[in-house]
């Protein structure tokens, strides 16, 4: 089943994001390589594809996991969690309708 992992950043998270980004992206690449990643990306803090120093307000990942518990465990082990980037992470089932 698909699950949405919706994360909210702490204030001024950009430096923390930069330090943990390589490990965070490696985990996403592993999901992609396994054919389980639907989409992933950050929410820019401002209305721009490249927010620069403004940074990001959070992230969204939609991926396939065997169960909600597996998705929650994967999300809890994210390098951004360990680095203190996220203040809140919500994991919930997701039903893809379109496209």
Protein backbone atom coordinates (compact mmCIF):
# COMPACT_ATOMS: atom_id res chain seq x y z
CA UNK A 1 0.00 0.00 0.00
CA UNK A 2 1.04 3.61 -0.51
CA UNK A 3 1.71 5.93 2.42
CA UNK A 4 2.15 9.70 2.60
CA UNK A 5 4.89 10.93 4.90
CA UNK A 6 4.24 14.59 5.63
CA UNK A 7 6.91 16.39 7.60
CA UNK A 8 7.10 19.89 9.07
CA UNK A 9 10.47 21.56 9.59
CA UNK A 10 11.66 23.39 12.66
CA UNK A 11 12.25 27.12 12.21
CA UNK A 12 15.46 27.96 10.32
CA UNK A 13 16.08 24.35 9.28
CA UNK A 14 18.20 25.05 6.18
CA UNK A 15 21.62 24.43 7.76
CA UNK A 16 20.36 21.22 9.39
CA UNK A 17 18.88 20.08 6.07
CA UNK A 18 22.12 20.70 4.22
CA UNK A 19 24.14 18.64 6.69
CA UNK A 20 21.81 15.61 6.55
CA UNK A 21 20.77 15.87 2.88
CA UNK A 22 23.19 13.32 1.36
CA UNK A 23 22.03 10.56 3.74
CA UNK A 24 18.39 11.58 3.33
CA UNK A 25 18.66 11.42 -0.47
CA UNK A 26 20.45 8.06 -0.33
CA UNK A 27 17.48 6.54 1.49
CA UNK A 28 15.07 7.99 -1.06
CA UNK A 29 17.24 6.66 -3.89
CA UNK A 30 17.06 3.19 -2.33
CA UNK A 31 13.24 3.40 -2.32
CA UNK A 32 13.31 4.54 -5.94
CA UNK A 33 15.69 1.74 -6.95
CA UNK A 34 13.30 -0.75 -5.33
CA UNK A 35 10.41 0.67 -7.37
CA UNK A 36 8.59 1.86 -4.24
CA UNK A 37 8.92 5.67 -4.49
CA UNK A 38 6.04 7.57 -6.10
CA UNK A 39 7.28 11.09 -5.35
CA UNK A 40 9.37 13.02 -2.87
CA UNK A 41 10.32 16.61 -2.35
CA UNK A 42 10.45 19.59 -0.01
CA UNK A 43 7.95 22.40 0.47
CA UNK A 44 9.73 25.71 -0.27
CA UNK A 45 9.11 28.30 2.43
CA UNK A 46 8.39 30.89 -0.27
CA UNK A 47 6.61 30.66 -3.63
CA UNK A 48 9.69 29.63 -5.62
CA UNK A 49 11.26 26.46 -7.00
CA UNK A 50 14.57 27.70 -5.59
CA UNK A 51 13.89 29.44 -2.27
CA UNK A 52 17.57 30.08 -1.54
CA UNK A 53 18.23 31.18 2.03
CA UNK A 54 14.49 31.19 2.81
CA UNK A 55 14.71 27.39 2.94
CA UNK A 56 11.88 24.93 3.33
CA UNK A 57 8.89 24.37 5.59
CA UNK A 58 8.73 20.58 5.31
CA UNK A 59 8.65 17.60 2.97
CA UNK A 60 6.31 15.14 1.32
CA UNK A 61 7.14 11.55 0.43
CA UNK A 62 4.68 9.09 -1.11
CA UNK A 63 6.02 5.54 -1.20
CA UNK A 64 4.97 1.92 -0.96
CA UNK A 65 5.45 0.02 2.29
CA UNK A 66 4.11 -3.36 3.51
CA UNK A 67 2.23 -1.72 6.38
CA UNK A 68 1.61 1.52 8.24
CA UNK A 69 4.02 0.35 10.94
CA UNK A 70 6.75 -0.19 8.34
CA UNK A 71 6.15 3.27 6.88
CA UNK A 72 6.26 4.84 10.35
CA UNK A 73 9.48 3.02 11.21
CA UNK A 74 11.08 4.10 7.92
CA UNK A 75 10.04 7.71 8.54
CA UNK A 76 11.33 7.66 12.12
CA UNK A 77 14.76 6.52 10.90
CA UNK A 78 15.09 9.39 8.40
CA UNK A 79 18.39 11.31 8.74
CA UNK A 80 16.39 14.53 8.83
CA UNK A 81 14.69 13.29 12.01
CA UNK A 82 18.06 12.45 13.60
CA UNK A 83 19.45 15.86 12.57
CA UNK A 84 16.52 17.72 14.12
CA UNK A 85 15.16 19.07 10.81
CA UNK A 86 11.61 17.92 11.43
CA UNK A 87 9.43 19.09 14.31
CA UNK A 88 6.51 16.89 13.23
CA UNK A 89 6.07 13.83 11.00
CA UNK A 90 2.70 12.39 10.01
CA UNK A 91 2.41 9.05 8.23
CA UNK A 92 -0.91 7.98 6.78
CA UNK A 93 -2.28 5.66 4.11
CA UNK A 94 -2.56 7.19 0.63
CA UNK A 95 -4.76 6.11 -2.25
CA UNK A 96 -3.50 7.23 -5.64
CA UNK A 97 -6.40 8.08 -7.95
CA UNK A 98 -4.79 10.17 -10.72
CA UNK A 99 -2.88 10.13 -12.98
